[in-house]
Amino acid sequence: MKVIHWLDKHFEEGLSAILLAAMSVVVLLQIILKWFHLPLSWSEEMARYMFIWLIYIASSYAVKKRSHIKVEILSLLFKEKGNFILDLIADLAFLVFATVITYYGWIATYKIAFVNVQQSPPMHINMGWAYMSFALGCTLMAIRIIQDLILRSKEYRTAKQAKEVQ
């Protein structure tokens, strides 16, 4: 259970940090070797794929931390219950979007990885790995949205009960 709890708390931020560090090393290595006229044929592509993975994993982290982009002007018009309902509607719409994208992302990943097998030119890796970043990132976002919906509902109920006691 401790491993699952640790993954729940630190998976996205840990993986993002590893991807950012690895991408920085690959780009730095390419710069240094290019200076010595020994360019790497695969470094640009690897850095690009790590950046794509980083974007989708970090997007899930942003959802987890409630720091994704949203319009907050409407929250100024409502009180606590209205804001809760507004956040609930926004999260449910985001969940529907993430779920649809997850579904089609995994279908595309499967088709590219196993049906119409495509390989990247310089590295000769299966392009399913690149497409999997999109599918996995959206899956993680959907999971984090569900967790956030549960947490917000508990917070709202607790706050409501505390007000009733006063």
Protein backbone atom coordinates (compact mmCIF):
# COMPACT_ATOMS: atom_id res chain seq x y z
CA MET A 1 0.00 0.00 0.00
CA LYS A 2 2.90 2.39 0.69
CA VAL A 3 4.10 2.05 -2.90
CA ILE A 4 0.64 2.83 -4.29
CA HIS A 5 0.32 5.81 -1.94
CA TRP A 6 3.77 7.08 -2.98
CA LEU A 7 2.91 6.67 -6.68
CA ASP A 8 -0.37 8.51 -6.14
CA LYS A 9 1.47 11.40 -4.52
CA HIS A 10 4.64 11.58 -6.64
CA PHE A 11 4.28 9.68 -9.94
CA GLU A 12 3.76 12.62 -12.29
CA GLU A 13 6.23 14.96 -10.64
CA GLY A 14 8.91 12.25 -10.42
CA LEU A 15 8.48 11.13 -14.00
CA SER A 16 8.40 14.75 -15.20
CA ALA A 17 11.64 15.50 -13.37
CA ILE A 18 13.32 12.43 -14.86
CA LEU A 19 12.11 13.29 -18.37
CA LEU A 20 13.23 16.91 -18.07
CA ALA A 21 16.67 15.91 -16.77
CA ALA A 22 17.13 13.24 -19.46
CA MET A 23 15.97 15.59 -22.20
CA SER A 24 18.40 18.26 -20.96
CA VAL A 25 21.28 15.79 -20.95
CA VAL A 26 20.49 14.59 -24.50
CA VAL A 27 20.26 18.15 -25.83
CA LEU A 28 23.44 19.21 -24.02
CA LEU A 29 25.26 16.15 -25.34
CA GLN A 30 24.11 16.99 -28.87
CA ILE A 31 25.35 20.57 -28.51
CA ILE A 32 28.75 19.50 -27.19
CA LEU A 33 29.25 16.79 -29.81
CA LYS A 34 28.10 19.08 -32.62
CA TRP A 35 30.79 21.54 -31.54
CA PHE A 36 33.34 18.76 -32.13
CA HIS A 37 31.68 17.92 -35.49
CA LEU A 38 30.35 14.60 -34.13
CA PRO A 39 26.56 15.12 -34.26
CA LEU A 40 24.23 12.37 -33.06
CA SER A 41 21.58 11.31 -35.55
CA TRP A 42 19.05 10.28 -32.91
CA SER A 43 19.33 12.99 -30.24
CA GLU A 44 16.89 15.50 -31.73
CA GLU A 45 14.21 12.86 -32.14
CA MET A 46 14.74 11.46 -28.66
CA ALA A 47 14.56 14.94 -27.12
CA ARG A 48 11.34 15.60 -29.05
CA TYR A 49 9.70 12.38 -27.80
CA MET A 50 10.80 13.06 -24.22
CA PHE A 51 9.32 16.56 -24.51
CA ILE A 52 6.02 15.15 -25.77
CA TRP A 53 5.93 12.67 -22.87
CA LEU A 54 6.79 15.50 -20.48
CA ILE A 55 3.90 17.63 -21.72
CA TYR A 56 1.26 14.96 -21.15
CA ILE A 57 2.61 13.74 -17.81
CA ALA A 58 2.95 17.33 -16.56
CA SER A 59 -0.62 18.04 -17.74
CA SER A 60 -1.82 15.29 -15.45
CA TYR A 61 0.24 16.82 -12.64
CA ALA A 62 -1.40 20.21 -13.30
CA VAL A 63 -4.83 18.60 -13.01
CA LYS A 64 -3.78 16.94 -9.76
CA LYS A 65 -2.60 20.28 -8.32
CA ARG A 66 -5.69 22.13 -9.64
CA SER A 67 -3.43 24.44 -11.61
CA HIS A 68 -4.66 23.77 -15.11
CA ILE A 69 -5.95 26.68 -17.15
CA LYS A 70 -9.50 27.76 -16.36
CA VAL A 71 -11.64 30.85 -16.60
CA GLU A 72 -12.28 32.20 -13.12
CA ILE A 73 -14.42 35.23 -13.92
CA LEU A 74 -17.64 33.33 -13.27
CA SER A 75 -16.47 32.32 -9.80
CA LEU A 76 -16.63 35.99 -8.79
CA LEU A 77 -20.37 36.01 -9.48
CA PHE A 78 -21.28 33.10 -7.22
CA LYS A 79 -21.00 32.19 -3.58
CA GLU A 80 -19.63 28.92 -2.19
CA LYS A 81 -22.43 26.60 -3.39
CA GLY A 82 -22.52 28.21 -6.84
CA ASN A 83 -18.75 27.92 -7.19
CA PHE A 84 -18.91 24.27 -6.15
CA ILE A 85 -21.55 23.57 -8.81
CA LEU A 86 -19.59 25.55 -11.40
CA ASP A 87 -16.39 23.63 -10.58
CA LEU A 88 -18.34 20.38 -10.69
CA ILE A 89 -19.71 21.15 -14.16
CA ALA A 90 -16.26 22.19 -15.42
CA ASP A 91 -14.63 19.05 -14.00
CA LEU A 92 -17.32 16.81 -15.46
CA ALA A 93 -16.94 18.43 -18.88
CA PHE A 94 -13.16 18.01 -18.61
CA LEU A 95 -13.64 14.39 -17.56
CA VAL A 96 -15.83 13.68 -20.59
CA PHE A 97 -13.22 15.29 -22.84
CA ALA A 98 -10.33 13.38 -21.23
CA THR A 99 -12.26 10.10 -21.40
CA VAL A 100 -13.08 10.50 -25.10
CA ILE A 101 -9.50 11.47 -25.90
CA THR A 102 -8.22 8.55 -23.81
CA TYR A 103 -10.41 6.10 -25.70
CA TYR A 104 -9.34 7.30 -29.13
CA GLY A 105 -5.74 7.76 -28.00
CA TRP A 106 -5.44 4.10 -27.00
CA ILE A 107 -7.08 3.02 -30.29
CA ALA A 108 -4.58 5.13 -32.27
CA THR A 109 -1.70 3.79 -30.19
CA TYR A 110 -2.79 0.21 -30.79
CA LYS A 111 -3.20 0.74 -34.55
CA ILE A 112 0.16 2.44 -34.96
CA ALA A 113 2.01 0.02 -32.66
CA PHE A 114 0.49 -3.27 -33.87
CA VAL A 115 -1.71 -2.92 -36.98
CA ASN A 116 -0.08 -0.33 -39.23
CA VAL A 117 3.34 -0.58 -37.63
CA GLN A 118 5.30 2.62 -38.08
CA GLN A 119 8.89 3.22 -37.06
CA SER A 120 10.66 6.48 -36.48
CA PRO A 121 13.37 7.10 -39.10
CA PRO A 122 16.50 7.93 -37.04
CA MET A 123 15.93 5.74 -33.98
CA HIS A 124 13.92 2.92 -35.59
CA ILE A 125 11.58 2.64 -32.61
CA ASN A 126 7.91 1.80 -32.86
CA MET A 127 5.90 5.02 -33.13
CA GLY A 128 3.38 3.49 -30.74
CA TRP A 129 5.68 4.71 -27.95
CA ALA A 130 5.24 8.32 -29.05
CA TYR A 131 1.48 7.98 -29.41
CA MET A 132 1.22 6.22 -26.06
CA SER A 133 2.27 9.46 -24.33
CA PHE A 134 -0.97 11.09 -25.44
CA ALA A 135 -3.13 8.15 -24.40
CA LEU A 136 -1.41 7.63 -21.05
CA GLY A 137 -1.37 11.34 -20.24
CA CYS A 138 -5.11 11.65 -20.89
CA THR A 139 -5.76 8.48 -18.87
CA LEU A 140 -3.86 9.96 -15.94
CA MET A 141 -5.76 13.24 -16.35
CA ALA A 142 -9.09 11.39 -16.22
CA ILE A 143 -7.99 9.54 -13.08
CA ARG A 144 -6.85 12.78 -11.44
CA ILE A 145 -10.13 14.50 -12.35
CA ILE A 146 -12.11 11.68 -10.72
CA GLN A 147 -9.92 11.92 -7.62
CA ASP A 148 -10.43 15.68 -7.56
CA LEU A 149 -14.21 15.34 -7.92
CA ILE A 150 -14.29 13.00 -4.93
CA LEU A 151 -12.01 15.28 -2.90
CA ARG A 152 -13.99 18.43 -3.73
CA SER A 153 -17.25 16.72 -2.80
CA LYS A 154 -15.80 15.69 0.58
CA GLU A 155 -14.42 19.19 1.17
CA TYR A 156 -17.76 20.78 0.29
CA ARG A 157 -19.70 18.40 2.58
CA THR A 158 -17.24 18.98 5.43
CA ALA A 159 -17.46 22.76 5.03
CA LYS A 160 -21.26 22.58 4.84
CA GLN A 161 -21.45 20.46 8.01
CA ALA A 162 -19.09 22.83 9.82
CA LYS A 163 -21.33 25.78 8.95
CA GLU A 164 -24.43 23.91 10.17
CA VAL A 165 -22.75 23.21 13.53
CA GLN A 166 -21.97 26.90 14.02
